[in-house]
């Protein structure tokens, strides 16, 4: 057996130690991927090439694009990639074992499409696991179900039943997905533990921050639990108590400097738009509410800034009109669909909100001193997954994996995922939507990878930019 896997992991270890890889002595940045049965020498050459390219500022993104191009050009390669992608929902240790044990053929040869197997595992898993971070930043997250890691269950005792969590955790953890969320992958990219829900009193570890996000949260009404304003108030209490008890030699929380250096993440606004449409407000009425939503986000950011926060990571809102839930219940007046089957008015309202959020981030950068505010275009990332699902090895982009009713959307508002009697896709399936509203781990893996590429960020700061020295 050729010992290629240890070499690959050694290269990633080298990248972790060397935070500033140089571009010198690199004159070839494309891989020769045409050999269907590479020999030992060919594989070693390709492995070295991949390691060099991965060190470039845009190296990981470049390698991924080559994999995706291969999938477009070759039906058999697409099948191989899709098959491998079904296996990426495993822990880093399990992934390393999978690589180490993979049979690479007899007498130093390689099984067909071995290179594709390695590329998929390396490019879709390892970039979300390994980091150049010496010390991961403290993270405080504010949001809704897109980033709630168990707050609803902890805070209200609400039961989220299996098959939620079936893919990675193999149990329900309070996340509204079959596995990990985008924020989980972002934490993994820094070699940091997952964020504990602020409301979880048992087993929580707040040394690396806290998650204030709660399922169903919105910005309005302002004082309704658990609105963004309430989450900000919870943070202020958490900060005051942390600074107080750490003076009493309690060493498992952060001091005032830790709060100043922390990264503050926001992913909220989707429920404000969704709730407005669900109340049968007209498109014009929904749009008129957007400035009020943005004002609440502005207030939360400036409140934290006034407490010394200076690093902010802001996600815009994904394509509301592409959610199976919205497609199944949209009223007749809103049934104008685009070329990919998404509800146009819902997505248009989302775009207006996102443009306003972008403008807000620009304005705050100009007004606030010594601040980092990164705006991430989640809408474009998610819409691309839906519009080009097969390119990413995904299927049925507008259909829920877990729901009721079958095609075209497999969603019934009266019989939701986890309530019994559901139509549930196979574990090895590659759906985008998990339950009609929330994304699968398969989709979240790709979304997180694209976030980490910085191609969708303004300014294009890497997520590990906020690592502590």
Protein backbone atom coordinates (compact mmCIF):
# COMPACT_ATOMS: atom_id res chain seq x y z
CA UNK A 1 0.00 0.00 0.00
CA UNK A 2 1.33 3.43 -0.91
CA UNK A 3 1.55 5.68 2.15
CA UNK A 4 0.10 8.79 0.54
CA UNK A 5 -2.37 9.78 3.27
CA UNK A 6 0.29 10.57 5.92
CA UNK A 7 2.06 12.81 3.40
CA UNK A 8 -1.12 14.73 2.73
CA UNK A 9 -1.82 15.26 6.41
CA UNK A 10 1.79 16.26 6.99
CA UNK A 11 1.38 18.95 4.38
CA UNK A 12 -1.69 20.31 6.14
CA UNK A 13 0.23 20.31 9.40
CA UNK A 14 2.94 22.33 7.68
CA UNK A 15 0.34 24.81 6.44
CA UNK A 16 -0.93 25.21 9.99
CA UNK A 17 2.53 26.17 11.26
CA UNK A 18 3.46 28.35 8.32
CA UNK A 19 0.93 31.16 8.35
CA UNK A 20 2.36 33.08 5.42
CA UNK A 21 3.10 30.68 2.53
CA UNK A 22 5.00 32.36 -0.26
CA UNK A 23 4.38 32.21 -3.97
CA UNK A 24 8.04 31.99 -4.93
CA UNK A 25 9.32 29.19 -7.17
CA UNK A 26 5.78 28.31 -8.30
CA UNK A 27 5.33 28.32 -12.04
CA UNK A 28 2.68 25.62 -12.45
CA UNK A 29 -0.73 26.00 -10.87
CA UNK A 30 -2.84 23.43 -12.73
CA UNK A 31 -3.00 19.72 -12.14
CA UNK A 32 -2.78 17.08 -14.84
CA UNK A 33 -5.97 15.20 -14.02
CA UNK A 34 -6.29 13.19 -17.21
CA UNK A 35 -4.71 9.92 -16.10
CA UNK A 36 -7.42 7.36 -15.33
CA UNK A 37 -5.08 4.87 -13.66
CA UNK A 38 -2.13 6.84 -12.23
CA UNK A 39 0.92 4.95 -11.07
CA UNK A 40 2.83 5.52 -7.86
CA UNK A 41 5.15 8.16 -9.31
CA UNK A 42 2.25 10.05 -10.88
CA UNK A 43 0.32 10.10 -7.59
CA UNK A 44 3.32 11.38 -5.64
CA UNK A 45 3.88 14.14 -8.19
CA UNK A 46 0.22 15.15 -8.03
CA UNK A 47 0.24 15.09 -4.24
CA UNK A 48 3.24 17.42 -4.16
CA UNK A 49 1.56 19.70 -6.71
CA UNK A 50 -1.62 19.83 -4.67
CA UNK A 51 0.35 20.76 -1.55
CA UNK A 52 2.09 23.62 -3.38
CA UNK A 53 -1.07 24.97 -4.95
CA UNK A 54 -2.96 24.74 -1.66
CA UNK A 55 -0.48 27.19 -0.13
CA UNK A 56 -1.39 29.93 -2.58
CA UNK A 57 -3.84 32.59 -1.37
CA UNK A 58 -6.55 31.17 -3.62
CA UNK A 59 -5.14 27.67 -3.86
CA UNK A 60 -7.92 25.72 -2.18
CA UNK A 61 -10.55 27.47 -4.25
CA UNK A 62 -8.58 26.78 -7.42
CA UNK A 63 -8.28 23.08 -6.65
CA UNK A 64 -11.99 22.81 -5.90
CA UNK A 65 -12.92 24.49 -9.16
CA UNK A 66 -10.85 21.91 -11.02
CA UNK A 67 -12.74 19.11 -9.30
CA UNK A 68 -16.05 20.73 -10.20
CA UNK A 69 -14.90 21.21 -13.82
CA UNK A 70 -14.05 17.52 -13.97
CA UNK A 71 -17.55 16.73 -12.75
CA UNK A 72 -19.05 18.86 -15.50
CA UNK A 73 -16.96 17.19 -18.21
CA UNK A 74 -17.10 13.55 -17.20
CA UNK A 75 -20.26 11.68 -16.17
CA UNK A 76 -18.28 8.86 -14.57
CA UNK A 77 -16.17 11.27 -12.55
CA UNK A 78 -19.35 13.02 -11.38
CA UNK A 79 -20.64 9.70 -10.06
CA UNK A 80 -17.38 9.02 -8.24
CA UNK A 81 -17.34 12.46 -6.65
CA UNK A 82 -20.97 12.16 -5.59
CA UNK A 83 -20.26 8.79 -4.03
CA UNK A 84 -17.29 10.17 -2.10
CA UNK A 85 -19.16 13.25 -0.96
CA UNK A 86 -21.59 10.94 0.80
CA UNK A 87 -18.73 9.95 3.08
CA UNK A 88 -17.48 13.39 4.10
CA UNK A 89 -19.85 13.77 7.05
CA UNK A 90 -17.37 12.21 9.43
CA UNK A 91 -15.05 13.52 12.09
CA UNK A 92 -11.45 14.57 11.25
CA UNK A 93 -10.11 11.43 12.95
CA UNK A 94 -12.48 9.19 11.00
CA UNK A 95 -11.53 10.98 7.80
CA UNK A 96 -7.84 10.36 8.42
CA UNK A 97 -8.54 6.68 9.04
CA UNK A 98 -10.59 6.53 5.85
CA UNK A 99 -7.72 7.98 3.87
CA UNK A 100 -5.12 5.80 5.53
CA UNK A 101 -7.08 2.60 4.93
CA UNK A 102 -8.11 3.30 1.33
CA UNK A 103 -6.87 0.51 -0.93
CA UNK A 104 -4.64 1.99 -3.62
CA UNK A 105 -4.32 -1.09 -5.79
CA UNK A 106 -1.77 -3.80 -6.34
CA UNK A 107 1.98 -3.44 -6.98
CA UNK A 108 2.05 0.31 -6.48
CA UNK A 109 -0.76 0.94 -8.94
CA UNK A 110 -3.95 2.83 -8.24
CA UNK A 111 -7.61 1.96 -8.50
CA UNK A 112 -9.62 3.93 -11.08
CA UNK A 113 -10.52 7.45 -10.02
CA UNK A 114 -8.42 7.22 -6.86
CA UNK A 115 -7.19 10.75 -7.45
CA UNK A 116 -10.75 12.00 -7.52
CA UNK A 117 -11.44 10.25 -4.20
CA UNK A 118 -8.44 11.95 -2.62
CA UNK A 119 -9.29 15.34 -4.07
CA UNK A 120 -12.84 15.24 -2.78
CA UNK A 121 -11.83 14.19 0.72
CA UNK A 122 -9.00 16.70 0.91
CA UNK A 123 -10.79 19.64 -0.64
CA UNK A 124 -14.24 19.22 0.87
CA UNK A 125 -13.25 18.07 4.36
CA UNK A 126 -9.76 19.16 5.34
CA UNK A 127 -10.09 22.88 4.47
CA UNK A 128 -12.91 23.00 7.02
CA UNK A 129 -10.84 21.22 9.67
CA UNK A 130 -7.28 22.48 9.51
CA UNK A 131 -6.31 26.05 10.26
CA UNK A 132 -3.36 28.39 10.37
CA UNK A 133 -4.69 29.60 13.73
CA UNK A 134 -2.29 29.62 16.66
CA UNK A 135 -5.06 30.49 19.10
CA UNK A 136 -8.67 30.49 17.99
CA UNK A 137 -10.61 33.69 18.59
CA UNK A 138 -13.39 33.92 21.13
CA UNK A 139 -16.67 33.93 19.17
CA UNK A 140 -20.07 35.29 20.13
CA UNK A 141 -22.86 34.44 17.72
CA UNK A 142 -26.28 36.07 17.36
CA UNK A 143 -28.98 34.75 15.10
CA UNK A 144 -31.77 32.31 14.41
CA UNK A 145 -32.11 28.62 13.52
CA UNK A 146 -29.44 28.89 10.84
CA UNK A 147 -26.87 28.99 13.64
CA UNK A 148 -28.67 27.76 16.78
CA UNK A 149 -26.56 24.94 18.26
CA UNK A 150 -29.11 23.97 20.91
CA UNK A 151 -30.40 27.19 22.46
CA UNK A 152 -34.09 26.51 21.87
CA UNK A 153 -33.90 23.10 23.53
CA UNK A 154 -31.91 24.46 26.46
CA UNK A 155 -33.96 27.59 26.94
CA UNK A 156 -37.50 26.31 26.52
CA UNK A 157 -37.16 22.56 26.85
CA UNK A 158 -38.50 22.26 23.33
CA UNK A 159 -38.04 18.78 21.90
CA UNK A 160 -36.34 18.38 18.54
CA UNK A 161 -36.57 14.71 17.70
CA UNK A 162 -34.54 12.33 15.60
CA UNK A 163 -33.88 12.14 12.60
CA UNK A 164 -32.49 15.62 13.31
CA UNK A 165 -28.78 15.06 13.87
CA UNK A 166 -28.71 11.66 12.17
CA UNK A 167 -25.74 12.31 9.88
CA UNK A 168 -22.87 13.41 12.10
CA UNK A 169 -23.94 13.43 15.75
CA UNK A 170 -26.22 10.39 15.33
CA UNK A 171 -28.61 12.00 17.81
CA UNK A 172 -30.60 15.20 18.06
CA UNK A 173 -28.51 18.07 19.45
CA UNK A 174 -31.01 20.89 19.04
CA UNK A 175 -29.64 21.83 15.63
CA UNK A 176 -32.24 22.06 12.87
CA UNK A 177 -30.29 19.96 10.40
CA UNK A 178 -29.34 16.36 9.86
CA UNK A 179 -25.82 17.24 11.03
CA UNK A 180 -23.49 20.19 11.41
CA UNK A 181 -24.37 23.79 10.72
CA UNK A 182 -22.25 26.34 8.88
CA UNK A 183 -21.09 27.81 12.19
CA UNK A 184 -19.87 24.37 13.29
CA UNK A 185 -17.68 24.11 10.21
CA UNK A 186 -16.36 27.63 10.75
CA UNK A 187 -15.37 26.68 14.30
CA UNK A 188 -13.73 23.51 12.98
CA UNK A 189 -11.72 25.62 10.54
CA UNK A 190 -10.07 27.28 13.55
CA UNK A 191 -9.56 23.99 15.42
CA UNK A 192 -12.00 25.38 17.96
CA UNK A 193 -14.73 23.51 19.80
CA UNK A 194 -18.35 24.08 18.83
CA UNK A 195 -20.08 27.04 20.45
CA UNK A 196 -22.14 26.21 23.53
CA UNK A 197 -25.63 27.72 23.69
CA UNK A 198 -25.75 30.58 26.19
CA UNK A 199 -28.89 29.12 27.77
CA UNK A 200 -27.45 25.62 28.26
CA UNK A 201 -26.64 25.24 31.95
CA UNK A 202 -25.13 21.75 31.77
CA UNK A 203 -21.91 20.76 30.06
CA UNK A 204 -21.31 24.17 28.49
CA UNK A 205 -17.84 25.54 27.87
CA UNK A 206 -17.71 29.29 27.37
CA UNK A 207 -13.93 29.61 27.12
CA UNK A 208 -14.20 30.00 23.34
CA UNK A 209 -17.34 32.16 23.40
CA UNK A 210 -21.08 31.61 23.47
CA UNK A 211 -23.97 31.18 21.07
CA UNK A 212 -27.00 33.41 21.66
CA UNK A 213 -28.81 32.31 18.48
CA UNK A 214 -32.26 30.79 19.01
CA UNK A 215 -34.60 29.04 16.59
CA UNK A 216 -37.32 31.41 15.38
CA UNK A 217 -35.51 34.60 16.37
CA UNK A 218 -36.05 37.82 14.47
CA UNK A 219 -35.27 41.48 15.06
CA UNK A 220 -38.90 42.50 15.60
CA UNK A 221 -40.83 42.71 17.89
CA UNK A 222 -37.88 44.11 19.79
CA UNK A 223 -38.68 42.81 23.28
CA UNK A 224 -40.09 39.42 22.36
CA UNK A 225 -37.87 36.47 23.35
CA UNK A 226 -35.56 35.76 21.70
CA UNK A 227 -35.25 38.76 19.42
CA UNK A 228 -31.87 40.16 18.44
CA UNK A 229 -32.30 42.88 21.05
CA UNK A 230 -32.90 40.27 23.76
CA UNK A 231 -29.83 38.35 22.60
CA UNK A 232 -27.76 41.56 22.85
CA UNK A 233 -29.10 42.15 26.36
CA UNK A 234 -28.14 38.57 27.29
CA UNK A 235 -24.65 39.24 25.98
CA UNK A 236 -24.33 42.39 28.11
CA UNK A 237 -25.27 40.37 31.19
CA UNK A 238 -22.88 37.58 30.24
CA UNK A 239 -20.02 40.06 29.78
CA UNK A 240 -20.67 41.84 33.07
CA UNK A 241 -20.81 38.58 35.03
CA UNK A 242 -17.75 37.16 33.28
CA UNK A 243 -15.61 40.19 34.08
CA UNK A 244 -16.91 40.10 37.64
CA UNK A 245 -16.25 36.43 38.40
CA UNK A 246 -12.88 36.28 36.64
CA UNK A 247 -11.65 38.78 39.23
CA UNK A 248 -12.50 36.10 41.77
CA UNK A 249 -9.91 33.81 40.15
CA UNK A 250 -12.47 31.92 38.05
CA UNK A 251 -10.28 31.02 35.09
CA UNK A 252 -12.73 29.47 32.64
CA UNK A 253 -14.17 32.69 31.23
CA UNK A 254 -12.67 35.56 29.27
CA UNK A 255 -11.48 38.86 30.71
CA UNK A 256 -12.28 42.33 29.40
CA UNK A 257 -9.49 42.10 26.81
CA UNK A 258 -10.94 38.84 25.58
CA UNK A 259 -14.25 40.55 24.89
CA UNK A 260 -12.49 43.37 23.03
CA UNK A 261 -10.61 40.93 20.79
CA UNK A 262 -13.57 38.58 20.24
CA UNK A 263 -15.33 38.02 16.93
CA UNK A 264 -19.04 38.91 16.91
CA UNK A 265 -21.07 37.04 14.31
CA UNK A 266 -24.58 37.89 13.08
CA UNK A 267 -26.90 35.79 10.94
CA UNK A 268 -30.42 37.14 11.33
CA UNK A 269 -33.21 38.70 9.27
CA UNK A 270 -34.64 35.69 7.46
CA UNK A 271 -37.47 35.27 9.95
CA UNK A 272 -38.43 38.94 9.72
CA UNK A 273 -39.03 38.53 5.99
CA UNK A 274 -40.57 35.08 6.30
CA UNK A 275 -43.00 36.11 9.03
CA UNK A 276 -44.08 39.19 7.09
CA UNK A 277 -44.95 37.14 4.00
CA UNK A 278 -46.68 34.49 6.12
CA UNK A 279 -49.00 37.22 7.47
CA UNK A 280 -50.09 37.88 3.87
CA UNK A 281 -48.50 41.31 3.77
CA UNK A 282 -48.02 42.58 0.25
CA UNK A 283 -44.58 42.76 -1.30
CA UNK A 284 -44.59 46.54 -0.84
CA UNK A 285 -45.54 46.20 2.82
CA UNK A 286 -42.74 43.70 3.42
CA UNK A 287 -40.19 45.97 1.77
CA UNK A 288 -41.31 48.94 3.87
CA UNK A 289 -40.48 46.96 7.03
CA UNK A 290 -36.87 46.30 5.99
CA UNK A 291 -35.41 49.61 7.30
CA UNK A 292 -36.83 48.77 10.74
CA UNK A 293 -35.09 45.39 10.67
CA UNK A 294 -31.80 46.97 9.63
CA UNK A 295 -32.12 49.53 12.41
CA UNK A 296 -32.24 46.72 14.97
CA UNK A 297 -29.14 45.09 13.51
CA UNK A 298 -27.38 48.44 13.58
CA UNK A 299 -28.37 48.93 17.22
CA UNK A 300 -27.03 45.51 18.22
CA UNK A 301 -23.69 46.09 16.48
CA UNK A 302 -23.20 49.58 17.93
CA UNK A 303 -24.19 48.34 21.40
CA UNK A 304 -21.45 45.73 21.29
CA UNK A 305 -19.02 48.25 19.80
CA UNK A 306 -19.73 50.57 22.75
CA UNK A 307 -18.65 47.67 25.00
CA UNK A 308 -15.29 47.46 23.22
CA UNK A 309 -16.11 44.99 20.43
CA UNK A 310 -14.26 45.72 17.20
CA UNK A 311 -14.53 42.57 15.05
CA UNK A 312 -17.83 41.79 13.33
CA UNK A 313 -18.76 39.05 10.84
CA UNK A 314 -22.15 39.64 9.20
CA UNK A 315 -24.00 37.09 7.07
CA UNK A 316 -26.70 38.31 4.74
CA UNK A 317 -29.87 36.26 4.21
CA UNK A 318 -30.25 33.34 1.81
CA UNK A 319 -32.82 32.97 -0.98
CA UNK A 320 -36.10 32.80 0.91
CA UNK A 321 -38.06 32.02 -2.25
CA UNK A 322 -36.12 28.80 -2.83
CA UNK A 323 -37.13 27.13 0.43
CA UNK A 324 -39.49 24.16 -0.09
CA UNK A 325 -41.62 25.53 2.74
CA UNK A 326 -42.23 28.80 0.91
CA UNK A 327 -42.77 27.08 -2.42
CA UNK A 328 -45.43 24.83 -0.93
CA UNK A 329 -47.44 27.53 0.85
CA UNK A 330 -46.91 30.69 -1.20
CA UNK A 331 -50.23 32.27 -2.10
CA UNK A 332 -51.31 32.59 -5.70
CA UNK A 333 -50.26 36.23 -5.92
CA UNK A 334 -46.68 35.25 -5.11
CA UNK A 335 -46.38 32.26 -7.42
CA UNK A 336 -44.20 33.98 -9.99
CA UNK A 337 -41.24 31.61 -10.32
CA UNK A 338 -37.78 32.18 -11.76
CA UNK A 339 -35.91 29.84 -14.11
CA UNK A 340 -34.82 27.65 -11.20
CA UNK A 341 -38.28 27.36 -9.66
CA UNK A 342 -37.90 29.90 -6.82
CA UNK A 343 -40.56 32.44 -5.81
CA UNK A 344 -39.49 35.77 -7.35
CA UNK A 345 -41.15 38.24 -4.93
CA UNK A 346 -39.66 36.49 -1.90
CA UNK A 347 -36.19 36.54 -3.38
CA UNK A 348 -36.55 40.13 -4.56
CA UNK A 349 -37.43 41.24 -1.04
CA UNK A 350 -34.43 39.30 0.27
CA UNK A 351 -32.15 41.06 -2.21
CA UNK A 352 -33.43 44.45 -1.05
CA UNK A 353 -32.75 43.48 2.56
CA UNK A 354 -29.26 42.30 1.62
CA UNK A 355 -28.44 45.50 -0.25
CA UNK A 356 -29.54 47.45 2.80
CA UNK A 357 -27.39 45.26 5.06
CA UNK A 358 -24.40 45.79 2.78
CA UNK A 359 -24.93 49.55 2.89
CA UNK A 360 -25.24 49.40 6.68
CA UNK A 361 -21.91 47.59 6.97
CA UNK A 362 -20.28 50.16 4.69
CA UNK A 363 -21.67 53.03 6.75
CA UNK A 364 -20.54 51.51 10.05
CA UNK A 365 -17.02 50.95 8.70
CA UNK A 366 -16.84 54.63 7.88
CA UNK A 367 -18.32 55.82 11.16
CA UNK A 368 -16.75 53.52 13.75
CA UNK A 369 -13.03 53.72 14.52
CA UNK A 370 -10.66 50.74 14.52
CA UNK A 371 -13.38 48.31 13.50
CA UNK A 372 -13.40 45.24 11.25
CA UNK A 373 -16.79 44.49 9.69
CA UNK A 374 -16.91 41.62 7.20
CA UNK A 375 -20.07 41.23 5.12
CA UNK A 376 -20.59 37.74 3.66
CA UNK A 377 -22.87 37.15 0.67
CA UNK A 378 -24.65 33.99 1.82
CA UNK A 379 -27.44 34.60 -0.71
CA UNK A 380 -25.15 34.15 -3.71
CA UNK A 381 -23.54 31.05 -2.20
CA UNK A 382 -26.85 29.33 -1.50
CA UNK A 383 -28.54 30.35 -4.73
CA UNK A 384 -25.57 28.96 -6.66
CA UNK A 385 -26.01 25.61 -4.89
CA UNK A 386 -29.66 25.51 -5.95
CA UNK A 387 -29.09 26.70 -9.51
CA UNK A 388 -26.13 24.37 -10.07
CA UNK A 389 -26.93 21.48 -7.75
CA UNK A 390 -25.55 18.74 -10.00
CA UNK A 391 -22.24 20.56 -10.26
CA UNK A 392 -21.80 20.07 -6.54
CA UNK A 393 -23.06 16.49 -6.50
CA UNK A 394 -26.37 17.58 -4.94
CA UNK A 395 -29.88 16.50 -5.88
CA UNK A 396 -33.50 17.67 -5.73
CA UNK A 397 -32.57 21.27 -4.83
CA UNK A 398 -36.15 22.36 -4.12
CA UNK A 399 -37.30 19.28 -2.25
CA UNK A 400 -37.02 18.59 1.48
CA UNK A 401 -35.15 15.45 2.51
CA UNK A 402 -37.34 15.04 5.59
CA UNK A 403 -40.99 16.00 5.19
CA UNK A 404 -44.33 14.83 3.96
CA UNK A 405 -46.12 14.78 0.61
CA UNK A 406 -43.44 13.66 -1.80
CA UNK A 407 -42.50 15.60 -4.95
CA UNK A 408 -42.19 18.35 -5.86
CA UNK A 409 -41.37 19.80 -2.41
CA UNK A 410 -42.04 17.04 0.16
CA UNK A 411 -43.29 19.64 2.62
CA UNK A 412 -46.50 19.80 4.60
CA UNK A 413 -46.93 22.55 7.18
CA UNK A 414 -49.13 20.25 9.28
CA UNK A 415 -46.73 17.28 9.29
CA UNK A 416 -43.15 18.45 9.66
CA UNK A 417 -39.91 16.54 9.97
CA UNK A 418 -39.62 14.61 13.22
CA UNK A 419 -43.36 14.34 13.83
CA UNK A 420 -43.67 10.81 12.48
CA UNK A 421 -44.93 9.46 9.19
CA UNK A 422 -42.37 11.46 7.26
CA UNK A 423 -40.91 10.75 3.86
CA UNK A 424 -37.17 10.78 4.58
CA UNK A 425 -34.45 10.56 1.96
CA UNK A 426 -31.71 7.96 2.28
CA UNK A 427 -28.80 8.79 4.57
CA UNK A 428 -26.46 8.69 1.59
CA UNK A 429 -28.61 11.16 -0.37
CA UNK A 430 -27.23 14.59 -1.23
CA UNK A 431 -30.15 16.95 -0.71
CA UNK A 432 -29.80 20.70 -0.15
CA UNK A 433 -32.86 21.19 2.05
CA UNK A 434 -33.18 19.07 5.18
CA UNK A 435 -36.68 19.89 6.42
CA UNK A 436 -37.99 22.47 3.96
CA UNK A 437 -36.44 25.44 5.77
CA UNK A 438 -32.98 24.42 6.94
CA UNK A 439 -30.00 23.07 5.02
CA UNK A 440 -28.43 19.63 5.17
CA UNK A 441 -24.92 18.99 6.39
CA UNK A 442 -23.96 18.18 2.80
CA UNK A 443 -25.00 21.68 1.72
CA UNK A 444 -23.54 23.34 4.83
CA UNK A 445 -20.17 21.74 4.12
CA UNK A 446 -19.99 23.46 0.74
CA UNK A 447 -21.41 26.75 2.05
CA UNK A 448 -18.78 26.90 4.78
CA UNK A 449 -16.03 26.09 2.31
CA UNK A 450 -17.12 28.95 0.08
CA UNK A 451 -17.26 31.31 3.05
CA UNK A 452 -13.71 30.34 3.96
CA UNK A 453 -12.54 31.08 0.41
CA UNK A 454 -13.20 34.84 1.05
CA UNK A 455 -14.56 35.14 -2.50
CA UNK A 456 -17.94 36.20 -1.11
CA UNK A 457 -16.68 38.52 1.63
CA UNK A 458 -16.35 42.30 1.76
CA UNK A 459 -13.60 43.03 2.61
CA UNK A 460 -11.91 39.73 1.73
CA UNK A 461 -10.52 38.94 5.16
CA UNK A 462 -9.90 35.30 5.94
CA UNK A 463 -11.86 33.84 8.81
CA UNK A 464 -8.61 33.04 10.60
CA UNK A 465 -7.65 36.72 10.38
CA UNK A 466 -9.22 37.04 13.80
CA UNK A 467 -7.00 34.42 15.40
CA UNK A 468 -5.20 35.62 18.47
CA UNK A 469 -1.44 35.93 18.36
